[in-house]
Amino acid sequence: MICKETQTCFFRALASPLDVHCSRKDLCIEFCDQRSDAACTEKGKTYHLLNTKGDRHKILSVHIDGGAVVTDKQTPPNVSKCDYLYLVDTAEKPMAVLIELKGKKFLKAVDQIQNTLDLFRDAFDRCGKVYGRIVFAGGTPNIRNIPSVMSLTRALKRRGGGLEVGERMTDKIEDLLG
């Protein structure tokens, strides 16, 4: 099942998580607060988004794979999706970070970020910047000339963001906001 309420729910939850009344809320929303270190972990991989400068930004953590998108009979076959989405409340439009915590299949991770970007396109149109982050085991592959990576990188750049890949990954909100 692909939640049909995500376009409004993501942004309603970012504004006021208590105003979201959805039976799936506990599956999707991990947290929505101003914590200094927003971290998600899966398969022994962790991504950190640091929120430490001045007035902290509110961060909404959405569990995409198994939360907003659940594989069942209603889900089209082979729908791939990233693990997490962080939405960051900013003075202008929210900023989005799509996160895939991957063991070894790097190209599958690229596909998962791209498919999530496509799946929730209308929601990401409401964001000022959209970034992709892949935390990948076994070293960072040479990604420069892979067509799917180049396509995803262009798609994220059109949305004011970019793609980063690494074995360990930590971003600071102020660096992403530029």
C-alpha atoms as a PDB file:
ATOM      1  CA  MET A   1       0.000   0.000   0.000  1.00  0.00           C
ATOM      2  CA  ILE A   2       1.233   3.445  -0.891  1.00  0.00           C
ATOM      3  CA  CYS A   3      -0.262   5.981   1.489  1.00  0.00           C
ATOM      4  CA  LYS A   4      -2.389   8.420  -0.480  1.00  0.00           C
ATOM      5  CA  GLU A   5      -2.278  11.070   2.249  1.00  0.00           C
ATOM      6  CA  THR A   6       1.471  11.689   2.156  1.00  0.00           C
ATOM      7  CA  GLN A   7       1.351  14.956   0.234  1.00  0.00           C
ATOM      8  CA  THR A   8      -0.689  16.687   2.913  1.00  0.00           C
ATOM      9  CA  CYS A   9       0.308  14.506   5.848  1.00  0.00           C
ATOM     10  CA  PHE A  10       4.067  15.136   5.588  1.00  0.00           C
ATOM     11  CA  PHE A  11       3.612  18.891   5.745  1.00  0.00           C
ATOM     12  CA  ARG A  12       0.783  18.837   8.299  1.00  0.00           C
ATOM     13  CA  ALA A  13       2.967  16.660  10.543  1.00  0.00           C
ATOM     14  CA  LEU A  14       5.931  19.006  10.122  1.00  0.00           C
ATOM     15  CA  ALA A  15       3.752  21.958  11.178  1.00  0.00           C
ATOM     16  CA  SER A  16       2.021  20.163  14.034  1.00  0.00           C
ATOM     17  CA  PRO A  17       2.432  16.412  14.568  1.00  0.00           C
ATOM     18  CA  LEU A  18      -0.446  16.294  17.045  1.00  0.00           C
ATOM     19  CA  ASP A  19      -2.836  17.432  14.297  1.00  0.00           C
ATOM     20  CA  VAL A  20      -2.195  14.314  12.224  1.00  0.00           C
ATOM     21  CA  HIS A  21      -4.970  11.789  12.751  1.00  0.00           C
ATOM     22  CA  CYS A  22      -4.119   8.760  10.692  1.00  0.00           C
ATOM     23  CA  SER A  23      -4.293   5.075  11.531  1.00  0.00           C
ATOM     24  CA  ARG A  24      -0.819   4.616  10.000  1.00  0.00           C
ATOM     25  CA  LYS A  25       0.843   7.527  11.837  1.00  0.00           C
ATOM     26  CA  ASP A  26       2.743   5.247  14.236  1.00  0.00           C
ATOM     27  CA  LEU A  27       4.208   3.302  11.290  1.00  0.00           C
ATOM     28  CA  CYS A  28       5.274   6.375   9.320  1.00  0.00           C
ATOM     29  CA  ILE A  29       6.319   9.114  11.711  1.00  0.00           C
ATOM     30  CA  GLU A  30       9.425   8.307  13.736  1.00  0.00           C
ATOM     31  CA  PHE A  31       9.708  11.741  15.367  1.00  0.00           C
ATOM     32  CA  CYS A  32       9.045  15.415  14.785  1.00  0.00           C
ATOM     33  CA  ASP A  33      11.075  17.713  16.998  1.00  0.00           C
ATOM     34  CA  GLN A  34      14.158  19.915  17.228  1.00  0.00           C
ATOM     35  CA  ARG A  35      16.690  17.314  18.365  1.00  0.00           C
ATOM     36  CA  SER A  36      20.355  18.133  17.868  1.00  0.00           C
ATOM     37  CA  ASP A  37      21.218  14.807  16.192  1.00  0.00           C
ATOM     38  CA  ALA A  38      18.561  13.206  14.012  1.00  0.00           C
ATOM     39  CA  ALA A  39      19.807   9.694  13.304  1.00  0.00           C
ATOM     40  CA  CYS A  40      18.345   6.726  11.487  1.00  0.00           C
ATOM     41  CA  THR A  41      19.889   3.263  11.594  1.00  0.00           C
ATOM     42  CA  GLU A  42      19.246   0.110   9.611  1.00  0.00           C
ATOM     43  CA  LYS A  43      21.370  -2.858   8.548  1.00  0.00           C
ATOM     44  CA  GLY A  44      24.221  -1.593  10.742  1.00  0.00           C
ATOM     45  CA  LYS A  45      24.360   1.711   8.803  1.00  0.00           C
ATOM     46  CA  THR A  46      23.561   5.108  10.316  1.00  0.00           C
ATOM     47  CA  TYR A  47      22.884   8.543   8.867  1.00  0.00           C
ATOM     48  CA  HIS A  48      23.123  11.656  11.084  1.00  0.00           C
ATOM     49  CA  LEU A  49      21.623  15.071  10.436  1.00  0.00           C
ATOM     50  CA  LEU A  50      23.058  17.581  12.912  1.00  0.00           C
ATOM     51  CA  ASN A  51      20.854  20.433  14.045  1.00  0.00           C
ATOM     52  CA  THR A  52      23.153  22.443  16.285  1.00  0.00           C
ATOM     53  CA  LYS A  53      23.345  26.082  15.144  1.00  0.00           C
ATOM     54  CA  GLY A  54      21.325  28.804  16.879  1.00  0.00           C
ATOM     55  CA  ASP A  55      17.576  28.282  16.735  1.00  0.00           C
ATOM     56  CA  ARG A  56      17.198  24.636  15.870  1.00  0.00           C
ATOM     57  CA  HIS A  57      15.009  23.550  12.985  1.00  0.00           C
ATOM     58  CA  LYS A  58      12.134  21.139  13.442  1.00  0.00           C
ATOM     59  CA  ILE A  59      12.844  17.779  11.755  1.00  0.00           C
ATOM     60  CA  LEU A  60      10.174  15.299  10.721  1.00  0.00           C
ATOM     61  CA  SER A  61      11.456  11.735  10.307  1.00  0.00           C
ATOM     62  CA  VAL A  62       9.249   9.585   8.068  1.00  0.00           C
ATOM     63  CA  HIS A  63       9.830   5.851   7.722  1.00  0.00           C
ATOM     64  CA  ILE A  64       9.131   5.302   4.013  1.00  0.00           C
ATOM     65  CA  ASP A  65       9.916   1.594   3.497  1.00  0.00           C
ATOM     66  CA  GLY A  66       7.425  -0.217   5.707  1.00  0.00           C
ATOM     67  CA  GLY A  67       5.678   2.999   6.784  1.00  0.00           C
ATOM     68  CA  ALA A  68       4.407   5.322   4.058  1.00  0.00           C
ATOM     69  CA  VAL A  69       4.919   2.501   1.546  1.00  0.00           C
ATOM     70  CA  VAL A  70       4.138  -1.050   2.590  1.00  0.00           C
ATOM     71  CA  THR A  71       4.537  -3.957   0.196  1.00  0.00           C
ATOM     72  CA  ASP A  72       1.207  -5.762  -0.044  1.00  0.00           C
ATOM     73  CA  LYS A  73      -1.330  -6.851  -2.673  1.00  0.00           C
ATOM     74  CA  GLN A  74      -2.255  -3.212  -3.440  1.00  0.00           C
ATOM     75  CA  THR A  75       1.336  -2.168  -4.109  1.00  0.00           C
ATOM     76  CA  PRO A  76       2.474  -2.443  -7.716  1.00  0.00           C
ATOM     77  CA  PRO A  77       5.151  -5.133  -8.147  1.00  0.00           C
ATOM     78  CA  ASN A  78       8.788  -4.107  -7.789  1.00  0.00           C
ATOM     79  CA  VAL A  79       8.075  -0.706  -6.212  1.00  0.00           C
ATOM     80  CA  SER A  80      11.364   0.235  -4.623  1.00  0.00           C
ATOM     81  CA  LYS A  81      11.589   2.984  -2.044  1.00  0.00           C
ATOM     82  CA  CYS A  82      14.179   4.527   0.207  1.00  0.00           C
ATOM     83  CA  ASP A  83      14.316   3.846   3.927  1.00  0.00           C
ATOM     84  CA  TYR A  84      13.728   7.301   5.406  1.00  0.00           C
ATOM     85  CA  LEU A  85      12.754  10.854   4.608  1.00  0.00           C
ATOM     86  CA  TYR A  86      13.759  13.804   6.764  1.00  0.00           C
ATOM     87  CA  LEU A  87      11.759  16.984   6.224  1.00  0.00           C
ATOM     88  CA  VAL A  88      13.333  20.062   7.791  1.00  0.00           C
ATOM     89  CA  ASP A  89      11.233  23.112   8.579  1.00  0.00           C
ATOM     90  CA  THR A  90      12.978  26.220   7.250  1.00  0.00           C
ATOM     91  CA  ALA A  91      12.046  29.886   6.959  1.00  0.00           C
ATOM     92  CA  GLU A  92      11.190  29.414   3.285  1.00  0.00           C
ATOM     93  CA  LYS A  93      10.097  26.029   1.960  1.00  0.00           C
ATOM     94  CA  PRO A  94      10.899  22.768   3.785  1.00  0.00           C
ATOM     95  CA  MET A  95      14.075  20.890   2.864  1.00  0.00           C
ATOM     96  CA  ALA A  96      13.947  17.121   2.197  1.00  0.00           C
ATOM     97  CA  VAL A  97      16.633  14.473   2.646  1.00  0.00           C
ATOM     98  CA  LEU A  98      15.937  11.017   1.152  1.00  0.00           C
ATOM     99  CA  ILE A  99      18.010   8.372   2.929  1.00  0.00           C
ATOM    100  CA  GLU A 100      18.874   4.826   1.888  1.00  0.00           C
ATOM    101  CA  LEU A 101      20.880   2.692   4.315  1.00  0.00           C
ATOM    102  CA  LYS A 102      22.292  -0.052   2.116  1.00  0.00           C
ATOM    103  CA  GLY A 103      24.404  -3.114   2.656  1.00  0.00           C
ATOM    104  CA  LYS A 104      25.962  -3.943  -0.709  1.00  0.00           C
ATOM    105  CA  LYS A 105      23.654  -3.342  -3.665  1.00  0.00           C
ATOM    106  CA  PHE A 106      24.620   0.211  -4.546  1.00  0.00           C
ATOM    107  CA  LEU A 107      22.676   0.494  -7.817  1.00  0.00           C
ATOM    108  CA  LYS A 108      19.531  -0.733  -6.052  1.00  0.00           C
ATOM    109  CA  ALA A 109      20.002   2.094  -3.540  1.00  0.00           C
ATOM    110  CA  VAL A 110      20.183   4.613  -6.399  1.00  0.00           C
ATOM    111  CA  ASP A 111      16.979   3.130  -7.832  1.00  0.00           C
ATOM    112  CA  GLN A 112      15.258   3.340  -4.434  1.00  0.00           C
ATOM    113  CA  ILE A 113      16.058   7.047  -4.034  1.00  0.00           C
ATOM    114  CA  GLN A 114      14.962   7.782  -7.624  1.00  0.00           C
ATOM    115  CA  ASN A 115      11.698   5.839  -7.257  1.00  0.00           C
ATOM    116  CA  THR A 116      10.849   7.580  -3.999  1.00  0.00           C
ATOM    117  CA  LEU A 117      11.540  10.934  -5.657  1.00  0.00           C
ATOM    118  CA  ASP A 118       9.177   9.954  -8.486  1.00  0.00           C
ATOM    119  CA  LEU A 119       6.553   8.372  -6.211  1.00  0.00           C
ATOM    120  CA  PHE A 120       6.143  11.485  -4.070  1.00  0.00           C
ATOM    121  CA  ARG A 121       6.997  14.045  -6.783  1.00  0.00           C
ATOM    122  CA  ASP A 122       4.128  16.382  -5.900  1.00  0.00           C
ATOM    123  CA  ALA A 123       5.194  16.484  -2.252  1.00  0.00           C
ATOM    124  CA  PHE A 124       8.807  17.233  -3.187  1.00  0.00           C
ATOM    125  CA  ASP A 125       7.607  20.042  -5.471  1.00  0.00           C
ATOM    126  CA  ARG A 126       6.700  21.839  -2.233  1.00  0.00           C
ATOM    127  CA  CYS A 127      10.294  21.632  -0.969  1.00  0.00           C
ATOM    128  CA  GLY A 128      12.990  24.240  -1.494  1.00  0.00           C
ATOM    129  CA  LYS A 129      15.787  21.646  -1.675  1.00  0.00           C
ATOM    130  CA  VAL A 130      15.831  17.856  -1.992  1.00  0.00           C
ATOM    131  CA  TYR A 131      18.929  15.780  -1.207  1.00  0.00           C
ATOM    132  CA  GLY A 132      19.701  12.083  -1.596  1.00  0.00           C
ATOM    133  CA  ARG A 133      21.960  10.233   0.821  1.00  0.00           C
ATOM    134  CA  ILE A 134      23.168   6.650   0.464  1.00  0.00           C
ATOM    135  CA  VAL A 135      25.077   5.090   3.340  1.00  0.00           C
ATOM    136  CA  PHE A 136      26.751   2.123   1.726  1.00  0.00           C
ATOM    137  CA  ALA A 137      28.858  -0.778   3.047  1.00  0.00           C
ATOM    138  CA  GLY A 138      32.108  -1.819   1.451  1.00  0.00           C
ATOM    139  CA  GLY A 139      33.549   1.483   0.326  1.00  0.00           C
ATOM    140  CA  THR A 140      32.238   4.143  -1.974  1.00  0.00           C
ATOM    141  CA  PRO A 141      31.996   2.904  -5.551  1.00  0.00           C
ATOM    142  CA  ASN A 142      33.202   4.909  -8.527  1.00  0.00           C
ATOM    143  CA  ILE A 143      29.900   6.535  -9.389  1.00  0.00           C
ATOM    144  CA  ARG A 144      30.843   9.154 -11.958  1.00  0.00           C
ATOM    145  CA  ASN A 145      29.886   7.415 -15.200  1.00  0.00           C
ATOM    146  CA  ILE A 146      26.923   5.288 -14.147  1.00  0.00           C
ATOM    147  CA  PRO A 147      23.824   6.497 -16.077  1.00  0.00           C
ATOM    148  CA  SER A 148      21.336   5.948 -13.222  1.00  0.00           C
ATOM    149  CA  VAL A 149      23.579   7.871 -10.810  1.00  0.00           C
ATOM    150  CA  MET A 150      24.017  10.727 -13.272  1.00  0.00           C
ATOM    151  CA  SER A 151      20.242  10.852 -13.842  1.00  0.00           C
ATOM    152  CA  LEU A 152      19.478  10.939 -10.094  1.00  0.00           C
ATOM    153  CA  THR A 153      22.158  13.570  -9.511  1.00  0.00           C
ATOM    154  CA  ARG A 154      20.613  15.797 -12.207  1.00  0.00           C
ATOM    155  CA  ALA A 155      17.109  15.294 -10.774  1.00  0.00           C
ATOM    156  CA  LEU A 156      18.274  16.297  -7.287  1.00  0.00           C
ATOM    157  CA  LYS A 157      20.238  19.293  -8.603  1.00  0.00           C
ATOM    158  CA  ARG A 158      17.089  20.519 -10.383  1.00  0.00           C
ATOM    159  CA  ARG A 159      15.510  20.495  -6.937  1.00  0.00           C
ATOM    160  CA  GLY A 160      18.363  22.517  -5.416  1.00  0.00           C
ATOM    161  CA  GLY A 161      20.063  19.545  -3.734  1.00  0.00           C
ATOM    162  CA  GLY A 162      22.474  16.788  -4.610  1.00  0.00           C
ATOM    163  CA  LEU A 163      23.518  13.194  -4.043  1.00  0.00           C
ATOM    164  CA  GLU A 164      26.155  11.994  -1.590  1.00  0.00           C
ATOM    165  CA  VAL A 165      27.348   8.437  -1.031  1.00  0.00           C
ATOM    166  CA  GLY A 166      29.598   7.122   1.721  1.00  0.00           C
ATOM    167  CA  GLU A 167      30.268   4.459   4.332  1.00  0.00           C
ATOM    168  CA  ARG A 168      29.541   6.973   7.092  1.00  0.00           C
ATOM    169  CA  MET A 169      27.458  10.028   6.598  1.00  0.00           C
ATOM    170  CA  THR A 170      26.778  13.099   8.698  1.00  0.00           C
ATOM    171  CA  ASP A 171      25.303  16.347   7.400  1.00  0.00           C
ATOM    172  CA  LYS A 172      24.748  19.656   9.158  1.00  0.00           C
ATOM    173  CA  ILE A 173      21.491  21.425   8.394  1.00  0.00           C
ATOM    174  CA  GLU A 174      23.241  24.775   7.991  1.00  0.00           C
ATOM    175  CA  ASP A 175      25.561  23.303   5.319  1.00  0.00           C
ATOM    176  CA  LEU A 176      22.639  21.875   3.350  1.00  0.00           C
ATOM    177  CA  LEU A 177      20.721  25.140   3.540  1.00  0.00           C
ATOM    178  CA  GLY A 178      23.792  26.951   2.238  1.00  0.00           C
END
